[in-house]
Amino acid sequence: MKYLRGIAISLLLVSSASVLAQNNCMNLNGCEKKACEVNQELLIAKQQGNDHKVAGLDKALKSINSHCSHEGLIIELQQKIDKTSIEIEEYKADINKAKQQGKFDKIELIYLI
């Protein structure tokens, strides 16, 4: 029973630390926000003794600090927008094709997703 209670308390502390970490980074943007969020995850991983995750997050933080730029983030986000726009156009084409073929069950399924 004490063991389960200890686990529950540990989980509560980790989850509350995660919420606090998110709040600390909310007012930042761009590279600073990205670095802050990774740094908060790093602190949590260290508290949990997760050495493998600590190593990965350390590497990510170093990469952010040395290579991140606002222009780079803008380019990355624009690429995501472009990819999503292409996917939307493909879905629209699928809907139009289903309409032309009279496959109304597929049209309803697509709208439900």
Foldseek 3Di string as FASTA:
>chain_A
DVVVVVVVVLVVVLVVLLVVLCVVLVVDDFLSSVLSNLVSVLVSCVVVVVVVSNVVSVVVNVCSVVPGDNVVVVVVVVVVVVVVVVVVVVLVVVLVVCVVVVVVVVNVVSVVD
